[in-house]
Protein backbone atom coordinates (compact mmCIF):
# COMPACT_ATOMS: atom_id res chain seq x y z
CA UNK A 1 86.84 40.26 131.16
CA UNK A 2 90.08 41.34 133.30
CA UNK A 3 89.39 43.42 136.34
CA UNK A 4 91.44 46.31 137.06
CA UNK A 5 92.15 45.40 140.70
CA UNK A 6 93.05 41.91 139.58
CA UNK A 7 95.93 43.30 136.80
CA UNK A 8 97.37 45.49 139.59
CA UNK A 9 97.29 43.02 141.94
CA UNK A 10 99.22 40.24 139.61
CA UNK A 11 101.95 42.78 138.96
CA UNK A 12 104.92 42.03 140.94
CA UNK A 13 108.31 44.11 142.38
CA UNK A 14 111.29 42.90 140.27
CA UNK A 15 113.96 45.49 141.95
CA UNK A 16 113.57 48.45 144.08
CA UNK A 17 111.70 50.96 141.80
CA UNK A 18 110.53 48.36 138.79
CA UNK A 19 107.75 46.23 138.70
CA UNK A 20 106.31 44.15 136.08
CA UNK A 21 102.47 43.80 134.76
CA UNK A 22 100.91 42.29 132.01
CA UNK A 23 98.37 44.20 130.05
CA UNK A 24 95.42 41.57 128.89
CA UNK A 25 93.96 41.75 125.39
CA UNK A 26 90.79 42.78 126.83
CA UNK A 27 92.19 46.15 127.66
CA UNK A 28 93.58 47.00 124.55
CA UNK A 29 92.59 50.30 122.27
CA UNK A 30 93.79 49.11 118.67
CA UNK A 31 97.17 47.35 119.04
CA UNK A 32 98.07 49.23 122.29
CA UNK A 33 96.87 49.92 125.82
CA UNK A 34 93.92 51.82 126.79
CA UNK A 35 95.56 55.32 127.94
CA UNK A 36 93.53 55.19 131.35
CA UNK A 37 94.74 51.70 132.41
CA UNK A 38 98.59 52.67 131.29
CA UNK A 39 98.57 55.62 133.09
CA UNK A 40 96.88 53.75 136.36
CA UNK A 41 99.78 51.54 136.16
CA UNK A 42 102.12 54.10 136.78
CA UNK A 43 100.56 55.48 139.23
CA UNK A 44 99.91 52.16 140.92
CA UNK A 45 103.55 51.53 140.76
CA UNK A 46 104.18 54.89 142.40
CA UNK A 47 101.92 54.41 145.28
CA UNK A 48 103.23 51.12 146.02
CA UNK A 49 107.15 52.25 145.67
CA UNK A 50 106.40 55.42 147.85
CA UNK A 51 103.41 54.56 150.32
CA UNK A 52 103.54 58.06 152.45
CA UNK A 53 103.17 60.25 149.69
CA UNK A 54 100.38 63.06 149.96
CA UNK A 55 97.19 63.17 147.72
CA UNK A 56 97.65 63.22 144.03
CA UNK A 57 97.12 66.79 142.85
CA UNK A 58 98.74 66.41 139.10
CA UNK A 59 99.38 64.12 136.36
CA UNK A 60 101.21 64.91 133.06
CA UNK A 61 100.82 61.87 130.77
CA UNK A 62 103.03 61.48 127.09
CA UNK A 63 101.75 58.74 124.96
CA UNK A 64 105.05 57.88 123.54
CA UNK A 65 104.85 54.38 121.84
CA UNK A 66 102.34 51.19 121.97
CA UNK A 67 102.30 49.04 124.74
CA UNK A 68 100.73 45.51 125.37
CA UNK A 69 101.42 42.01 126.91
CA UNK A 70 104.29 42.60 129.70
CA UNK A 71 105.22 45.81 130.44
CA UNK A 72 107.67 46.94 133.15
CA UNK A 73 107.16 50.53 135.13
CA UNK A 74 110.05 52.33 136.57
CA UNK A 75 109.54 55.18 138.94
CA UNK A 76 111.80 57.67 140.12
CA UNK A 77 111.21 60.58 143.10
CA UNK A 78 112.39 63.51 141.31
CA UNK A 79 112.01 65.87 144.37
CA UNK A 80 110.41 65.68 147.71
CA UNK A 81 110.06 68.93 149.62
CA UNK A 82 108.04 70.17 152.56
CA UNK A 83 104.66 70.21 150.63
CA UNK A 84 105.01 68.25 147.60
CA UNK A 85 106.50 65.24 145.67
CA UNK A 86 107.17 64.80 142.10
CA UNK A 87 107.57 61.72 140.89
CA UNK A 88 108.16 60.46 137.47
CA UNK A 89 106.92 56.73 136.23
CA UNK A 90 108.03 55.21 132.82
CA UNK A 91 106.02 51.99 131.26
CA UNK A 92 108.45 50.08 129.07
CA UNK A 93 106.93 47.32 126.68
CA UNK A 94 108.73 45.00 123.80
CA UNK A 95 108.33 48.07 121.31
CA UNK A 96 110.67 50.49 123.93
CA UNK A 97 109.16 53.63 126.01
CA UNK A 98 105.82 53.77 125.58
CA UNK A 99 104.08 56.00 128.34
CA UNK A 100 106.11 58.77 130.52
CA UNK A 101 104.19 60.45 133.52
CA UNK A 102 104.93 63.07 135.78
CA UNK A 103 102.85 63.16 139.10
CA UNK A 104 102.78 65.63 141.94
CA UNK A 105 101.65 64.88 145.30
CA UNK A 106 100.88 67.65 147.50
CA UNK A 107 99.30 68.02 151.15
CA UNK A 108 96.38 70.42 151.95
CA UNK A 109 97.60 74.05 152.68
CA UNK A 110 95.87 76.19 154.81
CA UNK A 111 94.66 79.27 152.40
CA UNK A 112 92.38 82.45 152.67
CA UNK A 113 91.29 81.60 149.38
CA UNK A 114 88.39 79.43 148.92
CA UNK A 115 86.77 79.25 145.56
CA UNK A 116 84.63 76.53 143.64
CA UNK A 117 82.31 77.42 140.74
CA UNK A 118 82.34 74.13 139.74
CA UNK A 119 78.74 72.05 141.19
CA UNK A 120 76.10 71.77 138.57
CA UNK A 121 73.26 69.85 138.47
CA UNK A 122 72.96 66.34 137.01
CA UNK A 123 70.91 63.17 137.05
CA UNK A 124 72.53 60.14 138.01
CA UNK A 125 71.88 56.74 135.91
CA UNK A 126 68.98 55.28 137.59
CA UNK A 127 68.17 51.35 137.82
CA UNK A 128 67.62 49.58 134.61
CA UNK A 129 69.15 52.47 132.76
CA UNK A 130 70.76 51.01 129.45
CA UNK A 131 74.47 51.17 129.29
CA UNK A 132 75.96 51.75 125.96
CA UNK A 133 77.01 48.52 124.19
CA UNK A 134 78.34 48.02 120.74
CA UNK A 135 80.56 45.70 118.81
CA UNK A 136 82.32 48.33 117.06
CA UNK A 137 83.63 49.53 120.52
CA UNK A 138 87.40 48.84 120.94
CA UNK A 139 88.16 46.02 123.21
CA UNK A 140 88.86 48.10 126.78
CA UNK A 141 85.48 49.94 126.45
CA UNK A 142 83.69 46.86 127.64
CA UNK A 143 85.37 47.36 130.77
CA UNK A 144 83.06 49.85 131.82
CA UNK A 145 79.30 50.64 131.89
CA UNK A 146 78.55 54.06 130.06
CA UNK A 147 75.32 56.28 130.07
CA UNK A 148 74.64 59.08 127.78
CA UNK A 149 74.19 62.82 128.75
CA UNK A 150 73.19 65.59 126.44
CA UNK A 151 75.91 68.26 126.05
CA UNK A 152 76.52 71.23 123.94
CA UNK A 153 78.81 71.92 121.33
CA UNK A 154 81.52 69.21 119.88
CA UNK A 155 82.12 66.51 122.52
CA UNK A 156 80.66 63.99 124.90
CA UNK A 157 79.06 63.80 128.55
CA UNK A 158 78.81 60.40 129.85
CA UNK A 159 78.49 58.89 133.16
CA UNK A 160 81.18 55.98 133.37
CA UNK A 161 81.97 53.63 136.17
CA UNK A 162 84.33 50.22 136.05
CA UNK A 163 81.90 47.23 135.41
CA UNK A 164 83.89 45.03 137.85
CA UNK A 165 84.71 46.72 141.22
CA UNK A 166 85.40 45.54 144.65
CA UNK A 167 86.18 48.81 146.43
CA UNK A 168 89.69 48.67 146.96
CA UNK A 169 91.02 50.70 144.39
CA UNK A 170 92.73 54.19 145.88
CA UNK A 171 90.11 56.85 144.21
CA UNK A 172 93.13 58.69 142.30
CA UNK A 173 93.51 55.34 140.49
CA UNK A 174 90.29 55.02 139.50
CA UNK A 175 90.10 58.46 138.09
CA UNK A 176 92.73 57.99 135.92
CA UNK A 177 91.14 54.54 134.76
CA UNK A 178 88.05 56.14 133.64
CA UNK A 179 89.40 59.59 132.75
CA UNK A 180 90.38 58.53 129.50
CA UNK A 181 87.28 56.42 128.18
CA UNK A 182 85.52 59.08 126.15
CA UNK A 183 86.15 59.00 122.45
CA UNK A 184 88.20 62.06 121.35
CA UNK A 185 85.48 64.92 121.16
CA UNK A 186 86.77 65.43 117.53
CA UNK A 187 85.20 62.50 116.71
CA UNK A 188 81.90 63.99 116.76
CA UNK A 189 83.07 66.00 113.65
CA UNK A 190 84.15 63.27 111.65
CA UNK A 191 81.84 61.79 108.78
CA UNK A 192 83.69 58.71 108.01
CA UNK A 193 85.82 56.55 110.63
CA UNK A 194 89.15 58.17 111.48
CA UNK A 195 92.00 57.05 113.64
CA UNK A 196 92.68 59.00 116.44
CA UNK A 197 95.64 58.68 118.95
CA UNK A 198 95.79 60.56 121.98
CA UNK A 199 99.34 62.76 122.57
CA UNK A 200 99.08 63.80 125.69
CA UNK A 201 96.96 63.98 128.83
CA UNK A 202 97.11 66.22 131.73
CA UNK A 203 94.73 65.95 135.02
CA UNK A 204 94.33 68.13 137.73
CA UNK A 205 92.78 66.57 140.67
CA UNK A 206 90.61 68.94 142.75
CA UNK A 207 89.52 66.89 145.57
CA UNK A 208 92.02 65.17 147.90
CA UNK A 209 90.01 62.07 148.09
CA UNK A 210 87.13 61.98 145.67
CA UNK A 211 84.22 59.48 146.28
CA UNK A 212 80.90 59.19 144.38
CA UNK A 213 77.72 57.56 144.43
CA UNK A 214 77.54 53.59 143.36
CA UNK A 215 81.07 53.89 141.47
CA UNK A 216 79.50 56.47 138.60
CA UNK A 217 81.68 59.60 137.45
CA UNK A 218 80.10 62.07 134.85
CA UNK A 219 83.02 62.49 132.39
CA UNK A 220 82.69 65.28 129.75
CA UNK A 221 85.05 66.46 126.83
CA UNK A 222 84.82 68.82 124.35
CA UNK A 223 86.66 70.73 121.61
CA UNK A 224 86.77 73.89 119.92
CA UNK A 225 89.67 73.16 117.54
CA UNK A 226 90.62 70.47 115.24
CA UNK A 227 93.02 71.24 112.46
CA UNK A 228 95.75 70.29 110.75
CA UNK A 229 95.49 66.59 112.05
CA UNK A 230 95.62 67.33 115.62
CA UNK A 231 92.85 68.41 118.27
CA UNK A 232 92.93 69.70 121.77
CA UNK A 233 89.98 68.94 124.15
CA UNK A 234 89.25 70.11 127.59
CA UNK A 235 87.95 67.28 129.83
CA UNK A 236 86.71 66.81 133.20
CA UNK A 237 85.29 64.39 136.07
CA UNK A 238 82.45 64.95 138.43
CA UNK A 239 80.80 62.94 141.26
CA UNK A 240 77.00 61.72 141.37
CA UNK A 241 76.62 65.24 143.07
CA UNK A 242 77.70 67.07 140.25
CA UNK A 243 81.03 68.20 141.75
CA UNK A 244 83.97 68.68 139.79
CA UNK A 245 87.00 66.51 141.04
CA UNK A 246 89.21 66.70 138.03
CA UNK A 247 89.84 69.12 135.25
CA UNK A 248 91.53 67.49 132.35
CA UNK A 249 93.19 68.63 128.91
CA UNK A 250 94.39 66.36 125.96
CA UNK A 251 95.81 66.71 122.83
CA UNK A 252 95.00 63.94 119.84
CA UNK A 253 96.55 63.53 116.43
CA UNK A 254 93.65 62.82 113.84
CA UNK A 255 95.05 60.58 110.83
CA UNK A 256 92.64 61.39 108.05
């Protein structure tokens, strides 16, 4: 398997604002790159190009077309104000534009409002607890260790961590890399195999610098609506203590 940190390290700058990276076959989801990796490539390029940004607070991702093999990431600073910076990143491959991201970086502000109702009791994986493994899983899924947890409603709840970690990844890149690893929640409703494809993905990062125990993040996904070939799902990422570090929303197409 190809470790995420090795993929990022192997990329190289072509000209200012443009970086070339190779997506290996063991990170594919069907004929395209796993969405969490393509978003991580975009964020990595932005952080290398503009290294003095404040913490990532929001990412808006559009999955436009397939990406595989050698790709180019083009970054553009859209606006930088006193508190926040907006940066666009496009990932282009042999078939044209495959991914467009708008990242919002923002410094911490003093505020009289302080509210967090997100912590919940949770049981992290214990030593020796079996990780999910199946030959039917897409190639990229083997890049992660995953442990199921019960969840009410239509969706999934799993502890997820990178199978190969060296502790050098910025927390925001790690969150994007694992945040899209769950199957679409609507798959819980399927009575037979049905192709699904992500359309858009929005991530709001709640912690300026998220950390967790032993690399494990609890990722949740749930849908209340799937009709007419499209589904919307609400998602979240929690740390090892049950604190929510990111909230997400994703739309996916259902082909069947």
